Amino acid sequence: MGRYFKRKWLQSNISGGINLRNKLHKKEYDKTRYKENKEILVKQHNVWCKNNRGKATLYMKKWRSNNKDKLSEQNKRYRLKNSIKLHDYNRNRSKEQKLRCYNHYSNYNIKCNCCGERRIEFLSIDHIYDNGKERRKIHAHGRRLYSWIIRNNFPNEFQILCMNCNFAKGHDKNHICPHLKELIVIDRVCIA
């Protein structure tokens, strides 16, 4: 396939004295070849990458390590050009991750484990063993917490609480929500 394009290009540029051993001529040949046959070349490249996944991965790692400045510049330009699109994508992704965590920890019946609040805007993830401060130093907090939970296969140390219960539990010296204290008192009265 490549020989055909090379021959075609050489025939169209024979009068100009083209020499492919000359770097400038080769660079121009590559550019015009790519412009004229972009779709075919992209398909060929994708097929090659699919068939040679290991070689392609090694090549890309090597290229990235040799072209860090170029890559970071490309990423900056892309982020500036597509900032709204990226913002929407990240917002939707974090909402999906949040719902996935809430569904897992509430057995697909999303509500506060303490008071039964169902509005998602009021719900949050709570560390059952009250080790959130230490966990935030080691792992993640905020939006990154949800992706950490999913990556670690939903550890059993979390639960869903509404913000009121979570806040009250955090400020109580025994780390018990007032709703649970009321239930404990009611149980003691019923037993007596």
C-alpha atoms as a PDB file:
ATOM      1  CA  MET A   1       0.000   0.000   0.000  1.00  0.00           C
ATOM      2  CA  GLY A   2       2.817   2.391   0.886  1.00  0.00           C
ATOM      3  CA  ARG A   3       4.700   1.792  -2.388  1.00  0.00           C
ATOM      4  CA  TYR A   4       1.650   2.821  -4.385  1.00  0.00           C
ATOM      5  CA  PHE A   5       1.378   6.164  -2.573  1.00  0.00           C
ATOM      6  CA  LYS A   6       5.129   6.766  -2.849  1.00  0.00           C
ATOM      7  CA  ARG A   7       5.083   6.047  -6.606  1.00  0.00           C
ATOM      8  CA  LYS A   8       2.034   8.278  -7.092  1.00  0.00           C
ATOM      9  CA  TRP A   9       3.641  11.135  -5.188  1.00  0.00           C
ATOM     10  CA  LEU A  10       6.947  10.765  -7.013  1.00  0.00           C
ATOM     11  CA  GLN A  11       5.194  10.826 -10.399  1.00  0.00           C
ATOM     12  CA  SER A  12       3.441  14.064  -9.503  1.00  0.00           C
ATOM     13  CA  ASN A  13       6.710  15.653  -8.297  1.00  0.00           C
ATOM     14  CA  ILE A  14       9.274  14.244 -10.775  1.00  0.00           C
ATOM     15  CA  SER A  15       9.940  17.575 -12.438  1.00  0.00           C
ATOM     16  CA  GLY A  16      10.957  19.122  -9.102  1.00  0.00           C
ATOM     17  CA  GLY A  17      13.931  16.787  -8.618  1.00  0.00           C
ATOM     18  CA  ILE A  18      12.604  14.966  -5.511  1.00  0.00           C
ATOM     19  CA  ASN A  19      15.109  12.875  -3.541  1.00  0.00           C
ATOM     20  CA  LEU A  20      13.553  10.892  -0.652  1.00  0.00           C
ATOM     21  CA  ARG A  21      16.961  10.504   0.992  1.00  0.00           C
ATOM     22  CA  ASN A  22      16.888  14.254   1.535  1.00  0.00           C
ATOM     23  CA  LYS A  23      15.182  14.852   4.917  1.00  0.00           C
ATOM     24  CA  LEU A  24      13.260  17.922   3.760  1.00  0.00           C
ATOM     25  CA  HIS A  25      11.882  16.105   0.714  1.00  0.00           C
ATOM     26  CA  LYS A  26      10.919  13.083   2.822  1.00  0.00           C
ATOM     27  CA  LYS A  27       9.178  15.288   5.394  1.00  0.00           C
ATOM     28  CA  GLU A  28       7.188  17.016   2.653  1.00  0.00           C
ATOM     29  CA  TYR A  29       6.371  13.645   1.078  1.00  0.00           C
ATOM     30  CA  ASP A  30       5.090  12.343   4.424  1.00  0.00           C
ATOM     31  CA  LYS A  31       2.924  15.425   4.959  1.00  0.00           C
ATOM     32  CA  THR A  32       1.331  15.313   1.515  1.00  0.00           C
ATOM     33  CA  ARG A  33       0.887  11.550   1.714  1.00  0.00           C
ATOM     34  CA  TYR A  34      -0.884  11.925   5.049  1.00  0.00           C
ATOM     35  CA  LYS A  35      -3.146  14.735   3.833  1.00  0.00           C
ATOM     36  CA  GLU A  36      -4.178  12.854   0.698  1.00  0.00           C
ATOM     37  CA  ASN A  37      -4.754   9.474   2.363  1.00  0.00           C
ATOM     38  CA  LYS A  38      -5.609  10.294   5.959  1.00  0.00           C
ATOM     39  CA  GLU A  39      -8.543   7.872   6.364  1.00  0.00           C
ATOM     40  CA  ILE A  40      -6.696   4.885   4.898  1.00  0.00           C
ATOM     41  CA  LEU A  41      -3.553   5.560   6.931  1.00  0.00           C
ATOM     42  CA  VAL A  42      -5.506   5.945  10.179  1.00  0.00           C
ATOM     43  CA  LYS A  43      -7.267   2.608   9.537  1.00  0.00           C
ATOM     44  CA  GLN A  44      -3.930   0.922   8.786  1.00  0.00           C
ATOM     45  CA  HIS A  45      -2.442   2.371  11.960  1.00  0.00           C
ATOM     46  CA  ASN A  46      -5.386   1.209  14.084  1.00  0.00           C
ATOM     47  CA  VAL A  47      -5.185  -2.320  12.641  1.00  0.00           C
ATOM     48  CA  TRP A  48      -1.434  -2.455  13.284  1.00  0.00           C
ATOM     49  CA  CYS A  49      -1.877  -1.232  16.880  1.00  0.00           C
ATOM     50  CA  LYS A  50      -4.600  -3.810  17.465  1.00  0.00           C
ATOM     51  CA  ASN A  51      -2.447  -6.643  16.132  1.00  0.00           C
ATOM     52  CA  ASN A  52       0.741  -5.474  17.884  1.00  0.00           C
ATOM     53  CA  ARG A  53      -0.566  -4.211  21.206  1.00  0.00           C
ATOM     54  CA  GLY A  54       2.669  -4.884  23.103  1.00  0.00           C
ATOM     55  CA  LYS A  55       4.874  -3.070  20.584  1.00  0.00           C
ATOM     56  CA  ALA A  56       2.439  -0.159  20.365  1.00  0.00           C
ATOM     57  CA  THR A  57       2.340   0.202  24.174  1.00  0.00           C
ATOM     58  CA  LEU A  58       6.139   0.164  24.429  1.00  0.00           C
ATOM     59  CA  TYR A  59       6.447   2.665  21.603  1.00  0.00           C
ATOM     60  CA  MET A  60       3.931   5.044  23.213  1.00  0.00           C
ATOM     61  CA  LYS A  61       5.646   4.801  26.630  1.00  0.00           C
ATOM     62  CA  LYS A  62       8.981   5.613  25.027  1.00  0.00           C
ATOM     63  CA  TRP A  63       7.484   8.460  22.986  1.00  0.00           C
ATOM     64  CA  ARG A  64       5.756   9.962  26.038  1.00  0.00           C
ATOM     65  CA  SER A  65       8.950   9.849  28.113  1.00  0.00           C
ATOM     66  CA  ASN A  66      10.927  11.546  25.298  1.00  0.00           C
ATOM     67  CA  ASN A  67       8.259  14.180  24.538  1.00  0.00           C
ATOM     68  CA  LYS A  68       6.927  15.242  27.951  1.00  0.00           C
ATOM     69  CA  ASP A  69       7.006  18.954  27.111  1.00  0.00           C
ATOM     70  CA  LYS A  70       5.238  18.479  23.796  1.00  0.00           C
ATOM     71  CA  LEU A  71       2.617  16.236  25.393  1.00  0.00           C
ATOM     72  CA  SER A  72       1.925  18.630  28.267  1.00  0.00           C
ATOM     73  CA  GLU A  73       1.571  21.489  25.784  1.00  0.00           C
ATOM     74  CA  GLN A  74      -0.898  19.435  23.710  1.00  0.00           C
ATOM     75  CA  ASN A  75      -2.872  18.582  26.854  1.00  0.00           C
ATOM     76  CA  LYS A  76      -3.005  22.246  27.914  1.00  0.00           C
ATOM     77  CA  ARG A  77      -4.275  23.301  24.490  1.00  0.00           C
ATOM     78  CA  TYR A  78      -6.874  20.526  24.504  1.00  0.00           C
ATOM     79  CA  ARG A  79      -8.091  21.425  28.006  1.00  0.00           C
ATOM     80  CA  LEU A  80      -8.378  25.108  27.086  1.00  0.00           C
ATOM     81  CA  LYS A  81     -10.194  24.338  23.852  1.00  0.00           C
ATOM     82  CA  ASN A  82     -12.578  21.787  25.413  1.00  0.00           C
ATOM     83  CA  SER A  83     -12.941  23.100  28.964  1.00  0.00           C
ATOM     84  CA  ILE A  84     -16.760  23.065  28.966  1.00  0.00           C
ATOM     85  CA  LYS A  85     -16.903  19.577  27.472  1.00  0.00           C
ATOM     86  CA  LEU A  86     -14.383  18.261  30.038  1.00  0.00           C
ATOM     87  CA  HIS A  87     -16.211  19.978  32.891  1.00  0.00           C
ATOM     88  CA  ASP A  88     -19.501  18.355  31.882  1.00  0.00           C
ATOM     89  CA  TYR A  89     -17.824  14.966  31.433  1.00  0.00           C
ATOM     90  CA  ASN A  90     -16.169  15.113  34.870  1.00  0.00           C
ATOM     91  CA  ARG A  91     -19.375  16.276  36.544  1.00  0.00           C
ATOM     92  CA  ASN A  92     -21.412  13.443  34.976  1.00  0.00           C
ATOM     93  CA  ARG A  93     -18.717  10.892  35.800  1.00  0.00           C
ATOM     94  CA  SER A  94     -18.589  11.917  39.451  1.00  0.00           C
ATOM     95  CA  LYS A  95     -22.405  11.794  39.676  1.00  0.00           C
ATOM     96  CA  GLU A  96     -22.389   8.280  38.208  1.00  0.00           C
ATOM     97  CA  GLN A  97     -19.683   7.172  40.651  1.00  0.00           C
ATOM     98  CA  LYS A  98     -21.579   8.712  43.566  1.00  0.00           C
ATOM     99  CA  LEU A  99     -24.807   6.921  42.603  1.00  0.00           C
ATOM    100  CA  ARG A 100     -22.925   3.667  42.138  1.00  0.00           C
ATOM    101  CA  CYS A 101     -21.490   3.939  45.668  1.00  0.00           C
ATOM    102  CA  TYR A 102     -24.850   4.953  47.158  1.00  0.00           C
ATOM    103  CA  ASN A 103     -26.574   2.047  45.432  1.00  0.00           C
ATOM    104  CA  HIS A 104     -24.001  -0.415  46.707  1.00  0.00           C
ATOM    105  CA  TYR A 105     -24.021   0.755  50.326  1.00  0.00           C
ATOM    106  CA  SER A 106     -27.808   1.049  50.503  1.00  0.00           C
ATOM    107  CA  ASN A 107     -28.688  -2.147  48.582  1.00  0.00           C
ATOM    108  CA  TYR A 108     -30.291  -0.097  45.771  1.00  0.00           C
ATOM    109  CA  ASN A 109     -32.680   1.584  48.231  1.00  0.00           C
ATOM    110  CA  ILE A 110     -30.880   4.907  48.643  1.00  0.00           C
ATOM    111  CA  LYS A 111     -31.580   6.435  52.044  1.00  0.00           C
ATOM    112  CA  CYS A 112     -29.834   7.480  55.268  1.00  0.00           C
ATOM    113  CA  ASN A 113     -29.001   4.452  57.429  1.00  0.00           C
ATOM    114  CA  CYS A 114     -30.003   6.398  60.537  1.00  0.00           C
ATOM    115  CA  CYS A 115     -33.055   8.606  59.882  1.00  0.00           C
ATOM    116  CA  GLY A 116     -34.203   7.334  56.465  1.00  0.00           C
ATOM    117  CA  GLU A 117     -33.702  10.618  54.531  1.00  0.00           C
ATOM    118  CA  ARG A 118     -34.071   9.867  50.800  1.00  0.00           C
ATOM    119  CA  ARG A 119     -33.058  13.097  49.028  1.00  0.00           C
ATOM    120  CA  ILE A 120     -29.656  12.482  47.423  1.00  0.00           C
ATOM    121  CA  GLU A 121     -28.655  16.129  47.860  1.00  0.00           C
ATOM    122  CA  PHE A 122     -28.637  15.582  51.659  1.00  0.00           C
ATOM    123  CA  LEU A 123     -26.800  12.243  51.676  1.00  0.00           C
ATOM    124  CA  SER A 124     -23.085  11.565  52.134  1.00  0.00           C
ATOM    125  CA  ILE A 125     -20.593   8.758  52.671  1.00  0.00           C
ATOM    126  CA  ASP A 126     -19.710   8.107  56.323  1.00  0.00           C
ATOM    127  CA  HIS A 127     -16.759   6.186  57.750  1.00  0.00           C
ATOM    128  CA  ILE A 128     -18.386   3.626  60.053  1.00  0.00           C
ATOM    129  CA  TYR A 129     -15.339   3.301  62.310  1.00  0.00           C
ATOM    130  CA  ASP A 130     -14.901   7.093  62.627  1.00  0.00           C
ATOM    131  CA  ASN A 131     -11.483   6.981  60.998  1.00  0.00           C
ATOM    132  CA  GLY A 132     -12.238   9.535  58.284  1.00  0.00           C
ATOM    133  CA  LYS A 133      -9.472  11.927  59.313  1.00  0.00           C
ATOM    134  CA  GLU A 134      -6.781   9.264  58.982  1.00  0.00           C
ATOM    135  CA  ARG A 135      -8.309   7.924  55.778  1.00  0.00           C
ATOM    136  CA  ARG A 136      -8.332  11.358  54.134  1.00  0.00           C
ATOM    137  CA  LYS A 137      -4.596  11.669  54.731  1.00  0.00           C
ATOM    138  CA  ILE A 138      -3.874   8.265  53.183  1.00  0.00           C
ATOM    139  CA  HIS A 139      -6.492   7.977  50.432  1.00  0.00           C
ATOM    140  CA  ALA A 140      -8.887  10.526  49.066  1.00  0.00           C
ATOM    141  CA  HIS A 141     -11.757  12.799  49.959  1.00  0.00           C
ATOM    142  CA  GLY A 142     -14.516  14.551  48.063  1.00  0.00           C
ATOM    143  CA  ARG A 143     -15.081  13.348  44.503  1.00  0.00           C
ATOM    144  CA  ARG A 144     -11.937  11.222  44.507  1.00  0.00           C
ATOM    145  CA  LEU A 145     -13.311   9.185  47.425  1.00  0.00           C
ATOM    146  CA  TYR A 146     -15.979   7.619  45.196  1.00  0.00           C
ATOM    147  CA  SER A 147     -13.443   6.471  42.591  1.00  0.00           C
ATOM    148  CA  TRP A 148     -11.198   5.154  45.395  1.00  0.00           C
ATOM    149  CA  ILE A 149     -14.129   3.145  46.829  1.00  0.00           C
ATOM    150  CA  ILE A 150     -14.949   1.660  43.398  1.00  0.00           C
ATOM    151  CA  ARG A 151     -11.294   0.831  42.670  1.00  0.00           C
ATOM    152  CA  ASN A 152     -11.004  -0.944  46.025  1.00  0.00           C
ATOM    153  CA  ASN A 153     -14.146  -3.009  45.464  1.00  0.00           C
ATOM    154  CA  PHE A 154     -16.456  -1.233  47.945  1.00  0.00           C
ATOM    155  CA  PRO A 155     -14.812  -1.804  51.365  1.00  0.00           C
ATOM    156  CA  ASN A 156     -17.197  -2.511  54.272  1.00  0.00           C
ATOM    157  CA  GLU A 157     -16.054   0.487  56.304  1.00  0.00           C
ATOM    158  CA  PHE A 158     -18.523   2.969  54.760  1.00  0.00           C
ATOM    159  CA  GLN A 159     -22.237   3.698  55.066  1.00  0.00           C
ATOM    160  CA  ILE A 160     -24.732   6.255  53.754  1.00  0.00           C
ATOM    161  CA  LEU A 161     -25.840   8.968  56.185  1.00  0.00           C
ATOM    162  CA  CYS A 162     -27.556  12.288  55.681  1.00  0.00           C
ATOM    163  CA  MET A 163     -25.422  15.349  56.403  1.00  0.00           C
ATOM    164  CA  ASN A 164     -27.247  16.005  59.703  1.00  0.00           C
ATOM    165  CA  CYS A 165     -26.633  12.513  61.047  1.00  0.00           C
ATOM    166  CA  ASN A 166     -23.052  12.490  59.787  1.00  0.00           C
ATOM    167  CA  PHE A 167     -22.280  15.873  61.355  1.00  0.00           C
ATOM    168  CA  ALA A 168     -23.994  15.003  64.647  1.00  0.00           C
ATOM    169  CA  LYS A 169     -22.204  11.657  64.822  1.00  0.00           C
ATOM    170  CA  GLY A 170     -18.867  13.406  64.250  1.00  0.00           C
ATOM    171  CA  HIS A 171     -19.446  15.914  67.058  1.00  0.00           C
ATOM    172  CA  ASP A 172     -20.764  13.486  69.653  1.00  0.00           C
ATOM    173  CA  LYS A 173     -18.107  12.255  72.087  1.00  0.00           C
ATOM    174  CA  ASN A 174     -19.336   8.653  71.697  1.00  0.00           C
ATOM    175  CA  HIS A 175     -19.790   9.069  67.912  1.00  0.00           C
ATOM    176  CA  ILE A 176     -23.492   8.166  68.066  1.00  0.00           C
ATOM    177  CA  CYS A 177     -26.169  10.005  66.093  1.00  0.00           C
ATOM    178  CA  PRO A 178     -28.974  11.590  68.216  1.00  0.00           C
ATOM    179  CA  HIS A 179     -31.540   9.484  66.331  1.00  0.00           C
ATOM    180  CA  LEU A 180     -29.823   6.295  67.550  1.00  0.00           C
ATOM    181  CA  LYS A 181     -29.579   7.712  71.097  1.00  0.00           C
ATOM    182  CA  GLU A 182     -33.360   8.212  71.090  1.00  0.00           C
ATOM    183  CA  LEU A 183     -33.860   4.624  69.906  1.00  0.00           C
ATOM    184  CA  ILE A 184     -31.529   3.330  72.623  1.00  0.00           C
ATOM    185  CA  VAL A 185     -33.449   5.277  75.285  1.00  0.00           C
ATOM    186  CA  ILE A 186     -36.794   4.033  73.920  1.00  0.00           C
ATOM    187  CA  ASP A 187     -35.506   0.416  73.938  1.00  0.00           C
ATOM    188  CA  ARG A 188     -34.369   0.750  77.560  1.00  0.00           C
ATOM    189  CA  VAL A 189     -37.762   2.157  78.580  1.00  0.00           C
ATOM    190  CA  CYS A 190     -39.618  -0.608  76.715  1.00  0.00           C
ATOM    191  CA  ILE A 191     -37.453  -3.316  78.315  1.00  0.00           C
ATOM    192  CA  ALA A 192     -37.920  -1.944  81.854  1.00  0.00           C
END
